[in-house]
């Protein structure tokens, strides 16, 4: 069912963003109110829950609407278990095993459409952003940030799969070095999901920054590490491992799924070397004599997820975005 107003919520590892959107004319999206704060997930479940509810109320008041009367969509890390309704597989680990959907609905006072945050990103980029030329095919939206996730949009719709795992490439295993050649810094890494050697343990921002700290004893942001790679041997090794891991993971997806386009998002996607050296490494790994898959930088920035959540809430399948 289509509606004129909707509220989108993006619950990420580092920030929570809420917007109130109005559809006008032939599906244009106009932003009426927007709020954004730090997630502060280190403060625990109740803080994240209450911040989400408070931000929805604040945005609704700013737009002059009643949040209990407007459809709400939320994109968040992980998924909701189909067995017990609890959160699972979230890299914001304080949410795991908790009834976040039920608790948030009680606080706000209405039902809410929930979706994985990476699926919201993929949906927005497929309809509004870098993947819009490929909307009739299969768009793979990739999140490279605090965690590593992804979502498939096939013919304009999110593809979940029977277990809700569609696009979860961050938790397939890649082994870069045989155990006998691993140094302590390069040893196969444990992942919070229970596996070892997952893409997320090598390609996420915190993983690369922790890698540099383990090698050098210094804490630096990934952007700084990349700038130092020509003069700092530790930085060079960290970036090379990140690029190799990225390439192996993406090449596996291309070899298995062969999507129409891949759109990269999240803070790590701002690294220029992904689109040069990274693509060359993918080219060498795909099971083909050429790489024809477009690998694109996102166009909607880190707000793509909240646009996707608004799309979900509204019931519209296609939007044209005028963001004010």
Protein backbone atom coordinates (compact mmCIF):
# COMPACT_ATOMS: atom_id res chain seq x y z
CA UNK A 1 0.00 0.00 0.00
CA UNK A 2 1.42 3.37 -1.01
CA UNK A 3 1.40 6.28 1.37
CA UNK A 4 2.33 9.95 1.32
CA UNK A 5 4.44 10.07 4.46
CA UNK A 6 6.94 7.62 5.92
CA UNK A 7 9.64 7.50 8.57
CA UNK A 8 12.96 5.80 7.88
CA UNK A 9 15.43 4.74 10.58
CA UNK A 10 19.01 3.62 9.97
CA UNK A 11 20.55 1.94 13.01
CA UNK A 12 24.24 1.53 12.27
CA UNK A 13 27.26 0.57 14.28
CA UNK A 14 28.38 4.18 14.67
CA UNK A 15 25.30 6.34 14.05
CA UNK A 16 21.52 6.32 14.20
CA UNK A 17 19.74 8.41 11.56
CA UNK A 18 16.04 9.12 11.22
CA UNK A 19 14.18 10.98 8.51
CA UNK A 20 10.59 11.85 7.74
CA UNK A 21 9.89 11.60 4.01
CA UNK A 22 7.01 12.75 1.87
CA UNK A 23 6.22 11.28 -1.53
CA UNK A 24 5.14 13.87 -4.10
CA UNK A 25 4.15 13.81 -7.75
CA UNK A 26 5.30 10.54 -9.32
CA UNK A 27 7.09 9.14 -6.33
CA UNK A 28 9.59 11.89 -5.55
CA UNK A 29 11.02 11.74 -2.06
CA UNK A 30 11.16 14.98 -0.10
CA UNK A 31 12.86 15.08 3.28
CA UNK A 32 10.74 16.93 5.85
CA UNK A 33 12.88 16.30 8.92
CA UNK A 34 16.15 14.58 9.69
CA UNK A 35 18.00 13.66 12.89
CA UNK A 36 21.32 11.91 13.43
CA UNK A 37 23.30 10.95 16.55
CA UNK A 38 26.05 8.53 17.58
CA UNK A 39 24.88 4.99 18.31
CA UNK A 40 26.95 4.64 21.50
CA UNK A 41 26.54 0.90 21.34
CA UNK A 42 29.20 0.50 24.04
CA UNK A 43 26.60 1.83 26.49
CA UNK A 44 24.45 -1.22 25.89
CA UNK A 45 21.05 -2.38 24.72
CA UNK A 46 18.82 0.06 26.60
CA UNK A 47 20.77 3.07 25.36
CA UNK A 48 20.46 1.99 21.72
CA UNK A 49 16.76 1.16 22.13
CA UNK A 50 15.83 4.42 23.86
CA UNK A 51 17.91 6.54 21.48
CA UNK A 52 16.06 5.08 18.49
CA UNK A 53 12.67 5.78 20.01
CA UNK A 54 13.60 9.30 21.10
CA UNK A 55 15.02 10.16 17.67
CA UNK A 56 11.86 8.98 15.89
CA UNK A 57 9.76 11.15 18.18
CA UNK A 58 12.04 14.15 17.69
CA UNK A 59 12.00 13.90 13.89
CA UNK A 60 8.22 13.45 13.86
CA UNK A 61 7.70 16.52 16.01
CA UNK A 62 9.99 18.56 13.79
CA UNK A 63 7.92 17.50 10.76
CA UNK A 64 4.69 18.23 12.62
CA UNK A 65 3.34 14.69 12.47
CA UNK A 66 2.30 11.94 14.88
CA UNK A 67 4.81 9.08 14.70
CA UNK A 68 2.14 6.58 15.73
CA UNK A 69 0.13 7.40 12.58
CA UNK A 70 2.94 7.13 10.01
CA UNK A 71 4.51 3.93 8.59
CA UNK A 72 8.01 3.37 9.95
CA UNK A 73 10.80 1.33 8.42
CA UNK A 74 14.07 0.55 10.16
CA UNK A 75 17.30 -0.83 8.77
CA UNK A 76 19.58 -2.40 11.34
CA UNK A 77 22.57 -4.73 11.55
CA UNK A 78 21.85 -8.44 11.62
CA UNK A 79 18.46 -10.04 11.27
CA UNK A 80 15.37 -11.03 13.24
CA UNK A 81 15.09 -14.73 13.94
CA UNK A 82 12.07 -16.33 12.33
CA UNK A 83 11.90 -18.80 15.22
CA UNK A 84 11.71 -16.52 18.27
CA UNK A 85 11.69 -12.93 16.94
CA UNK A 86 15.00 -12.07 18.61
CA UNK A 87 17.91 -10.26 16.97
CA UNK A 88 20.71 -12.43 15.61
CA UNK A 89 23.97 -11.95 13.69
CA UNK A 90 24.33 -8.26 14.57
CA UNK A 91 27.79 -6.74 14.80
CA UNK A 92 26.20 -4.39 17.34
CA UNK A 93 26.41 -7.36 19.63
CA UNK A 94 24.38 -5.85 22.51
CA UNK A 95 21.29 -6.36 20.31
CA UNK A 96 21.81 -10.09 19.80
CA UNK A 97 19.34 -12.33 21.59
CA UNK A 98 17.15 -9.38 22.54
CA UNK A 99 13.56 -8.57 21.47
CA UNK A 100 14.54 -5.25 19.90
CA UNK A 101 11.65 -5.15 17.41
CA UNK A 102 9.03 -5.78 20.09
CA UNK A 103 10.60 -3.35 22.53
CA UNK A 104 10.90 -0.53 20.00
CA UNK A 105 7.33 -1.01 18.81
CA UNK A 106 6.13 -0.71 22.41
CA UNK A 107 8.10 2.49 22.96
CA UNK A 108 6.90 4.13 19.74
CA UNK A 109 3.36 2.79 19.87
CA UNK A 110 2.97 1.25 16.43
CA UNK A 111 4.14 -1.63 14.23
CA UNK A 112 7.42 -1.19 12.37
CA UNK A 113 8.84 -2.76 9.20
CA UNK A 114 12.31 -4.14 9.95
CA UNK A 115 15.05 -4.92 7.45
CA UNK A 116 18.77 -5.63 7.50
CA UNK A 117 20.70 -2.37 7.13
CA UNK A 118 22.71 -3.65 4.21
CA UNK A 119 19.50 -4.58 2.38
CA UNK A 120 18.25 -1.01 2.94
CA UNK A 121 21.50 0.32 1.53
CA UNK A 122 21.22 -1.95 -1.50
CA UNK A 123 17.58 -1.02 -2.06
CA UNK A 124 18.32 2.71 -1.98
CA UNK A 125 21.36 2.51 -4.26
CA UNK A 126 19.53 0.24 -6.69
CA UNK A 127 16.58 2.62 -7.00
CA UNK A 128 18.14 6.03 -6.39
CA UNK A 129 21.90 5.75 -6.58
CA UNK A 130 24.80 4.16 -8.38
CA UNK A 131 22.92 0.96 -9.26
CA UNK A 132 19.83 2.55 -10.81
CA UNK A 133 20.92 1.72 -14.39
CA UNK A 134 20.92 -1.93 -13.37
CA UNK A 135 17.61 -1.96 -11.49
CA UNK A 136 16.11 -4.55 -13.85
CA UNK A 137 18.91 -6.99 -13.04
CA UNK A 138 20.66 -8.08 -9.85
CA UNK A 139 22.38 -5.35 -7.83
CA UNK A 140 24.70 -6.38 -5.00
CA UNK A 141 24.99 -3.63 -2.38
CA UNK A 142 28.08 -4.00 -0.19
CA UNK A 143 28.67 -2.44 3.22
CA UNK A 144 32.31 -1.97 4.21
CA UNK A 145 32.36 -0.18 7.54
CA UNK A 146 32.26 -1.12 11.21
CA UNK A 147 31.20 -4.52 9.88
CA UNK A 148 30.92 -6.10 6.45
CA UNK A 149 27.52 -6.92 5.02
CA UNK A 150 25.57 -6.92 1.80
CA UNK A 151 22.21 -7.21 0.16
CA UNK A 152 20.82 -8.33 -3.18
CA UNK A 153 18.16 -6.34 -5.02
CA UNK A 154 16.71 -8.40 -7.85
CA UNK A 155 14.36 -6.63 -10.22
CA UNK A 156 13.90 -3.84 -7.71
CA UNK A 157 13.12 -6.04 -4.69
CA UNK A 158 15.30 -7.26 -1.84
CA UNK A 159 16.19 -10.95 -2.13
CA UNK A 160 16.25 -12.46 1.36
CA UNK A 161 16.57 -16.16 0.70
CA UNK A 162 14.73 -18.82 2.72
CA UNK A 163 16.90 -18.17 5.81
CA UNK A 164 17.14 -14.40 5.43
CA UNK A 165 20.84 -14.69 4.60
CA UNK A 166 20.84 -13.25 1.09
CA UNK A 167 23.92 -11.07 0.61
CA UNK A 168 25.69 -11.92 3.88
CA UNK A 169 29.08 -12.20 2.18
CA UNK A 170 30.87 -10.79 5.24
CA UNK A 171 30.65 -14.18 6.91
CA UNK A 172 31.99 -16.45 4.30
CA UNK A 173 35.47 -17.71 5.09
CA UNK A 174 38.63 -16.67 3.24
CA UNK A 175 42.11 -17.97 4.12
CA UNK A 176 44.93 -15.83 2.89
CA UNK A 177 47.96 -17.67 4.18
CA UNK A 178 48.44 -21.34 5.03
CA UNK A 179 48.85 -21.83 8.80
CA UNK A 180 52.54 -22.76 8.53
CA UNK A 181 53.28 -19.37 6.92
CA UNK A 182 51.23 -17.25 9.30
CA UNK A 183 52.93 -14.82 11.64
CA UNK A 184 51.12 -14.01 14.88
CA UNK A 185 49.74 -10.83 13.27
CA UNK A 186 48.58 -12.71 10.18
CA UNK A 187 47.06 -15.75 11.88
CA UNK A 188 43.52 -16.70 10.92
CA UNK A 189 41.24 -14.37 12.82
CA UNK A 190 38.34 -15.34 15.04
CA UNK A 191 34.98 -13.75 14.22
CA UNK A 192 32.19 -12.91 16.66
CA UNK A 193 29.91 -15.18 14.58
CA UNK A 194 31.85 -18.21 15.80
CA UNK A 195 33.78 -18.89 12.60
CA UNK A 196 37.38 -18.02 11.78
CA UNK A 197 38.74 -16.21 8.74
CA UNK A 198 35.53 -14.37 7.78
CA UNK A 199 35.71 -11.49 5.31
CA UNK A 200 34.59 -9.12 8.07
CA UNK A 201 37.64 -9.93 10.19
CA UNK A 202 39.90 -8.62 7.41
CA UNK A 203 38.00 -5.95 5.47
CA UNK A 204 36.09 -3.95 8.10
CA UNK A 205 37.57 -0.69 9.33
CA UNK A 206 38.15 -1.87 12.91
CA UNK A 207 39.78 -5.08 11.66
CA UNK A 208 42.36 -3.16 9.60
CA UNK A 209 42.99 -0.67 12.40
CA UNK A 210 43.46 -3.49 14.93
CA UNK A 211 45.81 -5.19 12.49
CA UNK A 212 47.98 -2.07 12.35
CA UNK A 213 47.96 -1.77 16.14
CA UNK A 214 49.01 -5.41 16.54
CA UNK A 215 51.91 -4.87 14.15
CA UNK A 216 53.08 -1.43 15.27
CA UNK A 217 51.66 -0.75 18.73
CA UNK A 218 50.07 2.45 17.41
CA UNK A 219 46.38 3.27 17.13
CA UNK A 220 45.57 5.03 13.85
CA UNK A 221 42.50 5.50 11.71
CA UNK A 222 42.37 3.49 8.49
CA UNK A 223 42.54 6.63 6.32
CA UNK A 224 45.84 7.54 8.02
CA UNK A 225 47.20 4.03 7.62
CA UNK A 226 46.51 4.09 3.89
CA UNK A 227 48.36 7.41 3.51
CA UNK A 228 51.42 5.92 5.24
CA UNK A 229 51.66 2.76 3.17
CA UNK A 230 54.58 4.01 1.02
CA UNK A 231 56.74 4.94 3.99
CA UNK A 232 55.59 2.51 6.69
CA UNK A 233 56.09 -1.22 6.15
CA UNK A 234 53.40 -2.09 8.69
CA UNK A 235 50.88 0.15 6.95
CA UNK A 236 51.81 -1.41 3.62
CA UNK A 237 51.17 -4.92 4.93
CA UNK A 238 47.84 -3.92 6.49
CA UNK A 239 46.55 -2.33 3.27
CA UNK A 240 47.80 -5.18 1.09
CA UNK A 241 45.99 -7.71 3.28
CA UNK A 242 42.81 -5.62 3.24
CA UNK A 243 42.90 -5.32 -0.58
CA UNK A 244 43.62 -9.01 -1.04
CA UNK A 245 40.80 -9.96 1.33
CA UNK A 246 38.38 -7.58 -0.38
CA UNK A 247 39.29 -8.98 -3.79
CA UNK A 248 38.95 -12.61 -2.73
CA UNK A 249 35.57 -12.00 -1.16
CA UNK A 250 34.15 -10.02 -4.10
CA UNK A 251 35.58 -12.43 -6.68
CA UNK A 252 33.85 -15.30 -4.87
CA UNK A 253 30.52 -13.47 -5.08
CA UNK A 254 31.02 -12.74 -8.78
CA UNK A 255 32.00 -16.33 -9.51
CA UNK A 256 28.94 -17.71 -7.74
CA UNK A 257 26.21 -15.10 -8.35
CA UNK A 258 27.52 -12.95 -11.24
CA UNK A 259 25.53 -9.80 -10.31
CA UNK A 260 24.68 -7.07 -12.81
CA UNK A 261 26.49 -4.47 -10.69
CA UNK A 262 28.17 -4.12 -7.31
CA UNK A 263 27.82 -0.91 -5.30
CA UNK A 264 30.21 -0.27 -2.42
CA UNK A 265 29.18 1.67 0.69
CA UNK A 266 30.34 2.29 4.25
CA UNK A 267 33.39 4.19 5.47
CA UNK A 268 35.93 1.78 3.98
CA UNK A 269 34.36 2.26 0.54
CA UNK A 270 35.86 5.78 0.50
CA UNK A 271 39.33 4.32 -0.04
CA UNK A 272 40.32 5.12 -3.62
CA UNK A 273 42.60 2.08 -3.81
CA UNK A 274 39.57 -0.24 -3.79
CA UNK A 275 38.58 1.04 -7.23
CA UNK A 276 42.07 0.74 -8.70
CA UNK A 277 44.26 -1.91 -7.06
CA UNK A 278 41.25 -3.65 -5.57
CA UNK A 279 39.54 -4.08 -8.92
CA UNK A 280 42.78 -5.31 -10.51
CA UNK A 281 43.07 -7.96 -7.82
CA UNK A 282 39.46 -9.00 -8.41
CA UNK A 283 40.15 -9.20 -12.14
CA UNK A 284 42.95 -11.69 -11.47
CA UNK A 285 40.69 -13.89 -9.31
CA UNK A 286 37.40 -14.11 -11.22
CA UNK A 287 36.76 -17.29 -13.17
CA UNK A 288 36.82 -15.51 -16.50
CA UNK A 289 39.26 -13.90 -18.92
CA UNK A 290 37.79 -10.46 -18.21
CA UNK A 291 35.98 -8.54 -15.48
CA UNK A 292 32.87 -6.91 -16.91
CA UNK A 293 31.01 -6.46 -13.60
CA UNK A 294 30.67 -2.74 -12.77
CA UNK A 295 32.08 -2.12 -9.28
CA UNK A 296 30.76 1.27 -8.27
CA UNK A 297 31.12 3.74 -5.45
CA UNK A 298 27.83 4.63 -3.81
CA UNK A 299 26.10 7.90 -4.69
CA UNK A 300 23.95 8.38 -1.60
CA UNK A 301 26.70 8.40 1.01
CA UNK A 302 26.17 7.01 4.48
CA UNK A 303 22.51 8.04 4.38
CA UNK A 304 21.59 5.40 1.78
CA UNK A 305 20.37 3.09 4.54
CA UNK A 306 17.87 5.58 5.88
CA UNK A 307 16.52 6.25 2.37
CA UNK A 308 16.07 2.52 1.91
CA UNK A 309 14.23 2.26 5.22
CA UNK A 310 11.86 5.04 4.11
CA UNK A 311 11.25 3.20 0.84
CA UNK A 312 10.34 0.06 2.79
CA UNK A 313 7.97 1.94 5.06
CA UNK A 314 6.23 3.82 2.28
CA UNK A 315 5.34 0.83 0.15
CA UNK A 316 6.71 2.48 -3.00
CA UNK A 317 9.10 0.43 -5.07
CA UNK A 318 10.74 3.29 -6.99
CA UNK A 319 11.62 6.81 -5.83
CA UNK A 320 13.29 9.83 -7.32
CA UNK A 321 15.08 11.66 -4.54
CA UNK A 322 15.11 15.39 -3.84
CA UNK A 323 16.92 15.62 -0.52
CA UNK A 324 16.68 18.95 1.30
